[in-house]
Amino acid sequence: MSAIIPTDIYIQRRKILLNNVKEGLIFLPGNRESPMNYPDNTYHFRQDSNFLYYIGIDRPDLSVILDTNSGETILFGDNFTLDMIVWLGALPTLESLAEKSGIVSLKPTSALVDYLSDALNESRNVHILPPYRAENMLLINDYIKKTNKSYQHLISEELIRQVVAQRSIKDTYEIQEMIDAVNISGRMHVAAMIAAKPGMFEYELTGLVEGISVGNGGRISYPVILTTQGQTLHNHSYSGKLKEGGLVLGDFGSESAGHYAGDITRTFPVSKSFSSMQKDVYEIVLDTEIKAINQIKPGISYKEIHLQAALNITEGLIQLGLMKGNPQDAVAAGAHALFFPHGLGHMIGLDVHDMEDLGEAFVGYDASLSRSTQFGLKSLRLGKKLEEGFVLTVEPGIYFIPQLIDKWSNDKICTDFICFEKLPAYRDFTGVRIEDNVLVVPEGHEILGNPIPKSISEVEALRS
């Protein structure tokens, strides 16, 4: 359980959920241990984020039922046996953990099958969220096997919408957790920028930054992206060697002790300074990021900010001679996506892509806005209007992806806007991305955490 979130907050979160789901039982299964290669050798345990948000108990093999009729919350689980204590130690009892969560009703796990089956056989609604782990899909099916139903029948759009509405707005406790996560993430990035030198392998820097996360009481919030091949958007291979004149793109972050995510990206030169070509591209990305952050306020749609960022990138690339024509027409045609093929950002919180397990159609879009099918724009995870309390990422980038350039050139895509004859000089450039985490506040926005160097002068000062 997070050290800073008090009991009454968990009680209030559940009360709001119970009041907004009309009828039935809300079933929230926590996560189980997941074997890596045999049952006793498991991956690092990570509790389900919805379970953490409403219950706050960070232990495997637990489930909760919330009864919308009685208002009761029931925790299902078992205390550790003596054999388990021998191996794992004397951990807090379920009774003490339930008390910290404000739960007074406990039942053994063995009671869960009959409890759910009885409810379903009595034609009560049982609401669940979409399970994303195979073991939970199987367990839920096992829990309701007496009813001849499958877990798909229980997935509740009503519950999804209510959870998204609650978790989207971060309270003061969550914001402090996210500030902690960003500050750990910032230390990771500064350490990488200082330590990097020609001849090192990417895995050496990866080990350094992951160690800082663990050493500050957290864990990485997603697999580290730390690469000399920044044109690959999610590059998780760490076998590359840093070479003089190249770039390093680091996209990584730490969880706080309470499991809130940081997600920061910085790009820096392997040499002590950027080359003139690298500076030109970097300045476009940095200018785009700063302008996008400055647009953030309640009521503006993030799609609008994304399209303005695309326009800013297009205008910069026209100045470099890599694009041409009317910049608004180029963005409307999606020509910028050759260089900026992803969205400007996404919601962030207990998940690095917050609540993505519930569906981005519910998290990033709404009834007034549907997701585009255009290349590049279709990858915008957050498009809807921003509200006070949202926390989101701002992460523009410019990339030179040889395979994509060849495809567009051969198929003559957007030839009215792209100067394909100029691109061979950038074929080995790789990519630049810069990212911060931003809170929407009544008067506009607030960049979370301590400043992390990102201007050319700041980055080069660290490199030298």
Protein backbone atom coordinates (compact mmCIF):
# COMPACT_ATOMS: atom_id res chain seq x y z
CA MET A 1 0.00 0.00 0.00
CA SER A 2 1.25 3.48 -0.83
CA ALA A 3 2.64 5.14 2.27
CA ILE A 4 0.96 8.50 1.68
CA ILE A 5 -2.62 7.64 0.69
CA PRO A 6 -4.85 7.54 3.81
CA THR A 7 -7.59 5.02 4.50
CA ASP A 8 -10.46 7.44 3.95
CA ILE A 9 -9.33 8.09 0.38
CA TYR A 10 -9.76 4.40 -0.52
CA ILE A 11 -13.17 4.37 1.20
CA GLN A 12 -14.25 7.47 -0.72
CA ARG A 13 -13.04 6.09 -4.07
CA ARG A 14 -15.09 2.93 -3.57
CA LYS A 15 -18.12 4.92 -2.43
CA ILE A 16 -18.05 6.99 -5.62
CA LEU A 17 -17.76 3.85 -7.75
CA LEU A 18 -20.61 2.13 -5.91
CA ASN A 19 -22.83 5.18 -6.31
CA ASN A 20 -22.20 5.41 -10.05
CA VAL A 21 -22.67 1.76 -11.05
CA LYS A 22 -26.39 1.17 -11.02
CA GLU A 23 -26.88 -2.41 -9.89
CA GLY A 24 -25.07 -5.63 -9.08
CA LEU A 25 -21.66 -6.72 -7.89
CA ILE A 26 -18.38 -5.18 -8.96
CA PHE A 27 -15.70 -7.87 -9.08
CA LEU A 28 -12.09 -6.65 -8.95
CA PRO A 29 -9.57 -9.51 -9.06
CA GLY A 30 -6.04 -8.63 -8.09
CA ASN A 31 -3.08 -10.05 -9.96
CA ARG A 32 -1.40 -13.38 -9.30
CA GLU A 33 2.25 -14.35 -9.38
CA SER A 34 3.28 -15.11 -12.96
CA PRO A 35 5.92 -17.82 -13.54
CA MET A 36 8.95 -16.86 -15.61
CA ASN A 37 10.10 -20.41 -16.40
CA TYR A 38 8.76 -22.57 -13.56
CA PRO A 39 6.19 -21.96 -10.81
CA ASP A 40 8.52 -20.84 -8.03
CA ASN A 41 10.60 -18.55 -10.25
CA THR A 42 8.22 -15.68 -10.95
CA TYR A 43 8.40 -12.32 -12.65
CA HIS A 44 8.50 -9.34 -10.30
CA PHE A 45 4.98 -9.04 -8.91
CA ARG A 46 2.99 -6.02 -10.06
CA GLN A 47 -0.47 -5.55 -8.62
CA ASP A 48 -3.35 -4.66 -10.93
CA SER A 49 -3.66 -0.87 -11.15
CA ASN A 50 -7.42 -0.79 -10.64
CA PHE A 51 -7.01 -2.96 -7.54
CA LEU A 52 -4.33 -0.57 -6.28
CA TYR A 53 -6.52 2.47 -6.93
CA TYR A 54 -9.59 1.19 -5.06
CA ILE A 55 -8.02 -1.16 -2.50
CA GLY A 56 -4.33 -0.25 -2.17
CA ILE A 57 -3.17 -3.71 -1.04
CA ASP A 58 -0.02 -4.75 -2.88
CA ARG A 59 -0.17 -8.52 -2.43
CA PRO A 60 -0.95 -11.36 -4.87
CA ASP A 61 -3.91 -13.75 -4.83
CA LEU A 62 -6.57 -11.34 -3.59
CA SER A 63 -9.96 -10.37 -4.97
CA VAL A 64 -12.60 -7.86 -3.95
CA ILE A 65 -16.34 -7.66 -4.48
CA LEU A 66 -18.20 -4.37 -4.09
CA ASP A 67 -21.97 -4.72 -3.63
CA THR A 68 -23.87 -1.77 -5.13
CA ASN A 69 -27.01 -2.64 -3.16
CA SER A 70 -25.53 -2.93 0.33
CA GLY A 71 -22.48 -0.72 -0.20
CA GLU A 72 -20.36 -3.50 1.28
CA THR A 73 -16.76 -4.27 0.22
CA ILE A 74 -15.62 -7.87 0.72
CA LEU A 75 -11.97 -8.90 0.49
CA PHE A 76 -11.33 -12.52 -0.54
CA GLY A 77 -7.95 -14.00 0.28
CA ASP A 78 -5.93 -16.17 2.64
CA ASN A 79 -3.25 -15.45 5.19
CA PHE A 80 0.19 -16.95 4.64
CA THR A 81 0.74 -20.49 5.87
CA LEU A 82 3.71 -21.30 8.09
CA ASP A 83 5.50 -22.87 5.12
CA MET A 84 5.08 -19.63 3.17
CA ILE A 85 6.34 -17.59 6.12
CA VAL A 86 9.51 -19.73 6.23
CA TRP A 87 10.33 -18.65 2.68
CA LEU A 88 8.80 -15.17 2.51
CA GLY A 89 8.89 -13.90 6.08
CA ALA A 90 6.22 -12.76 8.52
CA LEU A 91 4.30 -10.27 6.38
CA PRO A 92 1.27 -8.27 7.63
CA THR A 93 -1.95 -10.22 8.05
CA LEU A 94 -4.85 -9.71 5.69
CA GLU A 95 -6.83 -8.33 8.61
CA SER A 96 -4.29 -5.55 9.17
CA LEU A 97 -4.07 -4.75 5.44
CA ALA A 98 -7.85 -4.68 5.13
CA GLU A 99 -8.06 -2.27 8.07
CA LYS A 100 -5.69 0.16 6.31
CA SER A 101 -7.94 -0.03 3.25
CA GLY A 102 -11.10 0.51 5.30
CA ILE A 103 -12.47 -2.99 4.63
CA VAL A 104 -14.21 -4.83 7.45
CA SER A 105 -15.53 -7.93 5.64
CA LEU A 106 -13.08 -10.74 4.80
CA LYS A 107 -13.73 -14.16 3.33
CA PRO A 108 -11.40 -17.00 2.27
CA THR A 109 -10.63 -17.42 -1.43
CA SER A 110 -12.53 -20.71 -1.40
CA ALA A 111 -15.77 -18.80 -0.79
CA LEU A 112 -15.50 -16.80 -3.99
CA VAL A 113 -16.86 -19.42 -6.41
CA ASP A 114 -20.11 -19.88 -4.52
CA TYR A 115 -20.48 -16.14 -3.91
CA LEU A 116 -20.22 -15.27 -7.62
CA SER A 117 -22.20 -18.29 -8.81
CA ASP A 118 -25.05 -17.57 -6.41
CA ALA A 119 -25.23 -13.96 -7.57
CA LEU A 120 -25.28 -14.91 -11.26
CA ASN A 121 -27.85 -17.65 -10.69
CA GLU A 122 -30.03 -15.08 -8.95
CA SER A 123 -29.77 -12.95 -12.13
CA ARG A 124 -27.70 -10.27 -10.44
CA ASN A 125 -25.29 -8.34 -12.63
CA VAL A 126 -21.62 -9.01 -12.06
CA HIS A 127 -19.44 -6.26 -13.51
CA ILE A 128 -15.78 -6.86 -14.38
CA LEU A 129 -13.13 -4.91 -16.26
CA PRO A 130 -11.41 -6.50 -19.29
CA PRO A 131 -8.75 -8.90 -17.94
CA TYR A 132 -5.36 -8.54 -19.64
CA ARG A 133 -3.52 -11.52 -18.14
CA ALA A 134 -4.26 -15.07 -19.30
CA GLU A 135 -4.18 -16.43 -15.76
CA ASN A 136 -6.90 -13.99 -14.67
CA MET A 137 -9.05 -14.91 -17.67
CA LEU A 138 -8.77 -18.56 -16.65
CA LEU A 139 -9.36 -17.83 -12.96
CA ILE A 140 -12.47 -15.76 -13.60
CA ASN A 141 -13.85 -18.52 -15.81
CA ASP A 142 -13.06 -20.98 -13.03
CA TYR A 143 -14.83 -18.80 -10.44
CA ILE A 144 -18.03 -18.72 -12.49
CA LYS A 145 -17.88 -22.25 -13.94
CA LYS A 146 -21.07 -23.28 -12.14
CA THR A 147 -23.06 -20.78 -14.23
CA ASN A 148 -21.95 -21.91 -17.70
CA LYS A 149 -20.85 -18.37 -18.48
CA SER A 150 -17.47 -17.02 -19.62
CA TYR A 151 -15.68 -13.91 -18.40
CA GLN A 152 -16.51 -12.07 -21.67
CA HIS A 153 -20.18 -11.95 -20.63
CA LEU A 154 -19.27 -10.01 -17.49
CA ILE A 155 -17.14 -7.24 -19.04
CA SER A 156 -19.08 -4.07 -18.23
CA GLU A 157 -18.90 -0.90 -20.31
CA GLU A 158 -20.75 0.86 -17.50
CA LEU A 159 -17.96 -0.08 -15.06
CA ILE A 160 -15.23 0.82 -17.58
CA ARG A 161 -16.64 4.31 -18.07
CA GLN A 162 -16.97 4.96 -14.34
CA VAL A 163 -13.42 3.78 -13.59
CA VAL A 164 -12.01 5.92 -16.41
CA ALA A 165 -13.93 8.95 -15.15
CA GLN A 166 -12.51 8.51 -11.65
CA ARG A 167 -8.94 7.56 -12.44
CA SER A 168 -8.50 10.27 -15.08
CA ILE A 169 -8.65 13.02 -12.45
CA LYS A 170 -5.60 12.83 -10.20
CA ASP A 171 -5.92 13.93 -6.57
CA THR A 172 -3.20 15.62 -4.52
CA TYR A 173 -1.87 12.30 -3.21
CA GLU A 174 -1.53 10.91 -6.72
CA ILE A 175 0.13 14.07 -8.01
CA GLN A 176 2.76 13.88 -5.27
CA GLU A 177 3.42 10.24 -6.16
CA MET A 178 3.86 11.25 -9.79
CA ILE A 179 6.23 14.06 -8.85
CA ASP A 180 8.28 11.47 -6.95
CA ALA A 181 8.25 9.19 -10.00
CA VAL A 182 9.36 11.99 -12.33
CA ASN A 183 12.15 13.04 -9.98
CA ILE A 184 13.54 9.50 -9.86
CA SER A 185 13.20 9.33 -13.65
CA GLY A 186 15.08 12.61 -13.97
CA ARG A 187 17.98 11.27 -11.92
CA MET A 188 18.08 8.26 -14.23
CA HIS A 189 18.30 10.45 -17.34
CA VAL A 190 20.95 12.79 -15.94
CA ALA A 191 23.07 9.80 -14.91
CA ALA A 192 22.86 8.36 -18.43
CA MET A 193 23.81 11.67 -20.03
CA ILE A 194 26.83 12.02 -17.74
CA ALA A 195 28.04 8.41 -17.98
CA ALA A 196 27.71 7.81 -21.73
CA LYS A 197 30.92 7.67 -23.73
CA PRO A 198 32.05 6.26 -27.09
CA GLY A 199 32.69 2.52 -26.96
CA MET A 200 30.08 1.78 -24.27
CA PHE A 201 27.27 -0.61 -25.00
CA GLU A 202 23.64 0.34 -24.59
CA TYR A 203 23.19 -2.38 -21.95
CA GLU A 204 25.76 -0.67 -19.70
CA LEU A 205 23.68 2.50 -19.57
CA THR A 206 20.50 0.44 -19.25
CA GLY A 207 21.90 -1.30 -16.18
CA LEU A 208 22.85 2.06 -14.70
CA VAL A 209 19.40 3.63 -15.06
CA GLU A 210 17.48 0.57 -13.90
CA GLY A 211 19.69 0.43 -10.81
CA ILE A 212 18.83 4.04 -9.96
CA SER A 213 15.12 3.21 -10.17
CA VAL A 214 15.41 0.25 -7.80
CA GLY A 215 17.82 2.17 -5.57
CA ASN A 216 15.21 4.88 -5.06
CA GLY A 217 12.52 2.46 -3.91
CA GLY A 218 10.78 1.99 -7.25
CA ARG A 219 10.88 -0.18 -10.34
CA ILE A 220 11.01 0.80 -13.98
CA SER A 221 7.52 1.79 -15.11
CA TYR A 222 7.97 0.13 -18.54
CA PRO A 223 10.83 -1.62 -20.37
CA VAL A 224 13.69 0.81 -20.87
CA ILE A 225 14.19 2.27 -24.35
CA LEU A 226 17.85 3.30 -24.50
CA THR A 227 19.24 3.14 -27.99
CA THR A 228 21.58 4.51 -30.61
CA GLN A 229 18.86 3.64 -33.16
CA GLY A 230 16.27 6.18 -32.13
CA GLN A 231 14.41 5.88 -35.43
CA THR A 232 12.93 2.66 -33.99
CA LEU A 233 10.23 4.04 -31.73
CA HIS A 234 10.21 1.24 -29.13
CA ASN A 235 13.68 -0.27 -29.41
CA HIS A 236 14.27 -2.74 -26.55
CA SER A 237 17.53 -4.21 -27.84
CA TYR A 238 20.54 -3.06 -25.85
CA SER A 239 23.34 -4.56 -27.95
CA GLY A 240 24.38 -1.41 -29.81
CA LYS A 241 27.65 0.40 -29.20
CA LEU A 242 27.88 4.15 -28.70
CA LYS A 243 29.94 5.78 -31.45
CA GLU A 244 31.41 9.24 -31.76
CA GLY A 245 29.08 11.47 -33.75
CA GLY A 246 25.96 9.42 -32.99
CA LEU A 247 22.88 10.10 -30.88
CA VAL A 248 21.43 8.27 -27.87
CA LEU A 249 17.67 8.30 -27.34
CA GLY A 250 16.57 7.38 -23.83
CA ASP A 251 12.86 6.86 -23.17
CA PHE A 252 12.45 5.45 -19.67
CA GLY A 253 11.01 6.16 -16.27
CA SER A 254 10.56 4.86 -12.76
CA GLU A 255 7.55 4.03 -10.69
CA SER A 256 7.16 5.72 -7.34
CA ALA A 257 6.92 3.59 -4.22
CA GLY A 258 3.14 3.74 -4.70
CA HIS A 259 3.41 2.48 -8.32
CA TYR A 260 2.70 5.75 -10.14
CA ALA A 261 4.64 6.05 -13.38
CA GLY A 262 7.19 8.49 -14.71
CA ASP A 263 7.77 8.61 -18.48
CA ILE A 264 10.57 10.89 -19.67
CA THR A 265 12.52 11.02 -22.93
CA ARG A 266 15.77 12.80 -23.65
CA THR A 267 18.09 12.64 -26.65
CA PHE A 268 21.78 13.49 -26.38
CA PRO A 269 24.96 13.24 -28.46
CA VAL A 270 27.61 10.57 -27.91
CA SER A 271 30.15 13.31 -28.60
CA LYS A 272 30.51 16.22 -26.21
CA SER A 273 28.32 18.38 -28.44
CA PHE A 274 25.66 18.07 -31.12
CA SER A 275 26.68 18.35 -34.76
CA SER A 276 25.14 21.24 -36.72
CA MET A 277 22.73 18.80 -38.44
CA GLN A 278 21.74 17.31 -35.10
CA LYS A 279 21.21 20.78 -33.62
CA ASP A 280 18.90 21.78 -36.47
CA VAL A 281 16.61 18.78 -35.94
CA TYR A 282 16.84 18.88 -32.15
CA GLU A 283 15.81 22.54 -32.02
CA ILE A 284 12.68 21.82 -34.07
CA VAL A 285 11.66 19.04 -31.66
CA LEU A 286 12.43 21.11 -28.56
CA ASP A 287 10.57 24.14 -29.90
CA THR A 288 7.61 21.90 -30.73
CA GLU A 289 7.57 20.35 -27.26
CA ILE A 290 7.72 23.71 -25.48
CA LYS A 291 4.96 25.20 -27.64
CA ALA A 292 2.76 22.13 -27.15
CA ILE A 293 3.18 22.27 -23.36
CA ASN A 294 2.32 25.96 -23.37
CA GLN A 295 -0.99 25.22 -25.13
CA ILE A 296 -2.18 22.82 -22.43
CA LYS A 297 -5.19 24.02 -20.46
CA PRO A 298 -8.67 22.77 -19.54
CA GLY A 299 -11.09 22.65 -22.46
CA ILE A 300 -8.65 22.37 -25.36
CA SER A 301 -8.60 19.06 -27.21
CA TYR A 302 -5.30 17.23 -27.26
CA LYS A 303 -5.90 16.40 -30.92
CA GLU A 304 -5.76 20.14 -31.62
CA ILE A 305 -2.43 20.41 -29.79
CA HIS A 306 -1.12 17.34 -31.65
CA LEU A 307 -2.02 18.84 -35.04
CA GLN A 308 -0.38 22.12 -34.08
CA ALA A 309 2.75 20.17 -33.11
CA ALA A 310 2.65 18.44 -36.50
CA LEU A 311 2.38 21.86 -38.17
CA ASN A 312 5.33 23.16 -36.15
CA ILE A 313 7.45 20.18 -37.18
CA THR A 314 6.41 20.61 -40.81
CA GLU A 315 7.35 24.29 -40.81
CA GLY A 316 10.72 23.44 -39.31
CA LEU A 317 11.40 20.74 -41.90
CA ILE A 318 10.43 23.14 -44.69
CA GLN A 319 13.06 25.53 -43.32
CA LEU A 320 15.60 22.68 -43.48
CA GLY A 321 14.61 21.93 -47.08
CA LEU A 322 13.26 18.47 -46.30
CA MET A 323 9.60 19.36 -46.90
CA LYS A 324 7.88 21.83 -49.20
CA GLY A 325 4.55 23.35 -50.10
CA ASN A 326 1.85 24.76 -47.87
CA PRO A 327 2.42 23.45 -44.32
CA GLN A 328 -1.30 23.27 -43.43
CA ASP A 329 -1.99 21.25 -46.58
CA ALA A 330 0.96 18.98 -45.78
CA VAL A 331 -0.39 18.24 -42.30
CA ALA A 332 -3.90 17.65 -43.66
CA ALA A 333 -2.41 15.11 -46.10
CA GLY A 334 -0.44 13.43 -43.30
CA ALA A 335 2.90 14.16 -44.99
CA HIS A 336 4.54 15.04 -41.66
CA ALA A 337 3.96 11.47 -40.46
CA LEU A 338 6.93 10.30 -42.51
CA PHE A 339 9.03 12.06 -39.85
CA PHE A 340 6.56 12.13 -36.91
CA PRO A 341 4.60 8.85 -37.14
CA HIS A 342 3.19 8.72 -33.60
CA GLY A 343 0.90 10.69 -31.33
CA LEU A 344 1.98 13.66 -29.23
CA GLY A 345 1.25 11.88 -25.97
CA HIS A 346 -1.04 9.88 -23.70
CA MET A 347 -2.55 9.83 -20.24
CA ILE A 348 -0.25 8.67 -17.46
CA GLY A 349 -0.84 7.61 -13.85
CA LEU A 350 -0.74 4.19 -12.24
CA ASP A 351 -0.03 2.92 -15.76
CA VAL A 352 2.47 4.49 -18.11
CA HIS A 353 -0.30 4.40 -20.75
CA ASP A 354 -2.92 5.06 -18.15
CA MET A 355 -5.86 2.63 -18.19
CA GLU A 356 -4.93 1.29 -21.62
CA ASP A 357 -6.24 -2.09 -20.44
CA LEU A 358 -9.72 -0.52 -20.36
CA GLY A 359 -9.51 0.62 -23.99
CA GLU A 360 -8.18 3.85 -25.48
CA ALA A 361 -11.59 4.51 -27.03
CA PHE A 362 -12.79 5.17 -23.47
CA VAL A 363 -9.63 6.79 -22.08
CA GLY A 364 -8.40 9.01 -24.91
CA TYR A 365 -11.57 9.63 -26.88
CA ASP A 366 -15.27 10.18 -26.20
CA ALA A 367 -18.64 10.41 -27.91
CA SER A 368 -17.68 13.69 -29.58
CA LEU A 369 -14.39 12.46 -31.05
CA SER A 370 -13.42 9.20 -32.69
CA ARG A 371 -9.96 8.00 -33.55
CA SER A 372 -8.52 8.79 -36.99
CA THR A 373 -7.46 6.07 -39.43
CA GLN A 374 -4.76 8.25 -41.05
CA PHE A 375 -1.19 7.01 -40.69
CA GLY A 376 0.46 8.80 -37.77
CA LEU A 377 -2.71 10.42 -36.47
CA LYS A 378 -4.21 6.98 -35.78
CA SER A 379 -1.43 6.51 -33.20
CA LEU A 380 -2.61 9.47 -31.12
CA ARG A 381 -3.66 7.79 -27.86
CA LEU A 382 -5.25 10.92 -26.36
CA GLY A 383 -7.41 13.18 -28.50
CA LYS A 384 -10.31 14.42 -26.34
CA LYS A 385 -10.65 17.70 -24.47
CA LEU A 386 -8.38 18.12 -21.47
CA GLU A 387 -9.74 18.49 -17.96
CA GLU A 388 -8.27 19.82 -14.74
CA GLY A 389 -6.50 16.93 -13.00
CA PHE A 390 -5.42 15.08 -16.15
CA VAL A 391 -1.74 14.13 -16.27
CA LEU A 392 -0.36 13.48 -19.74
CA THR A 393 2.86 13.14 -21.68
CA VAL A 394 4.10 15.58 -24.33
CA GLU A 395 6.59 13.81 -26.60
CA PRO A 396 7.10 15.09 -30.14
CA GLY A 397 9.85 13.59 -32.26
CA ILE A 398 11.51 13.63 -35.67
CA TYR A 399 12.78 10.35 -37.11
CA PHE A 400 14.43 9.21 -40.30
CA ILE A 401 13.28 5.63 -40.82
CA PRO A 402 15.04 4.22 -43.93
CA GLN A 403 12.44 1.55 -44.64
CA LEU A 404 9.56 4.02 -44.37
CA ILE A 405 11.35 6.60 -46.52
CA ASP A 406 12.01 3.95 -49.20
CA LYS A 407 8.37 2.83 -49.14
CA TRP A 408 6.98 6.36 -49.51
CA SER A 409 9.54 7.27 -52.16
CA ASN A 410 8.88 4.16 -54.25
CA ASP A 411 5.09 4.54 -53.93
CA LYS A 412 5.30 8.31 -54.58
CA ILE A 413 3.40 9.17 -51.38
CA CYS A 414 3.10 12.90 -50.59
CA THR A 415 5.57 13.90 -53.29
CA ASP A 416 4.03 17.39 -53.31
CA PHE A 417 5.28 17.93 -49.76
CA ILE A 418 8.42 15.84 -49.25
CA CYS A 419 11.84 16.53 -50.80
CA PHE A 420 12.87 12.90 -51.21
CA GLU A 421 16.06 13.90 -53.05
CA LYS A 422 17.36 15.57 -49.83
CA LEU A 423 16.73 12.60 -47.54
CA PRO A 424 19.76 10.38 -48.40
CA ALA A 425 21.93 12.77 -46.37
CA TYR A 426 19.78 11.98 -43.30
CA ARG A 427 19.52 8.23 -43.83
CA ASP A 428 21.76 7.43 -40.85
CA PHE A 429 20.58 10.32 -38.66
CA THR A 430 18.31 8.07 -36.47
CA GLY A 431 15.86 10.14 -34.40
CA VAL A 432 15.19 12.77 -31.73
CA ARG A 433 12.39 12.70 -29.13
CA ILE A 434 11.89 14.90 -26.06
CA GLU A 435 9.21 14.19 -23.44
CA ASP A 436 7.88 15.58 -20.17
CA ASN A 437 4.90 14.77 -17.92
CA VAL A 438 2.38 17.59 -17.52
CA LEU A 439 -0.52 18.21 -15.12
CA VAL A 440 -3.57 20.16 -16.30
CA VAL A 441 -4.39 22.85 -13.71
CA PRO A 442 -7.16 25.51 -13.70
CA GLU A 443 -4.91 28.23 -15.09
CA GLY A 444 -3.18 26.01 -17.64
CA HIS A 445 -0.51 23.45 -16.92
CA GLU A 446 2.36 22.43 -14.67
CA ILE A 447 5.38 20.34 -15.70
CA LEU A 448 5.76 17.74 -12.97
CA GLY A 449 8.98 17.31 -11.02
CA ASN A 450 12.31 19.07 -10.98
CA PRO A 451 13.53 20.36 -14.36
CA ILE A 452 15.44 17.75 -16.37
CA PRO A 453 18.07 19.24 -18.72
CA LYS A 454 16.80 19.48 -22.30
CA SER A 455 18.11 22.67 -23.92
CA ILE A 456 21.15 22.17 -26.14
CA SER A 457 23.35 24.16 -23.75
CA GLU A 458 22.14 22.14 -20.72
CA VAL A 459 22.66 18.79 -22.45
CA GLU A 460 26.09 19.73 -23.78
CA ALA A 461 27.12 20.96 -20.32
CA LEU A 462 26.35 17.50 -18.92
CA ARG A 463 28.13 15.78 -21.79
CA SER A 464 31.29 17.80 -21.25
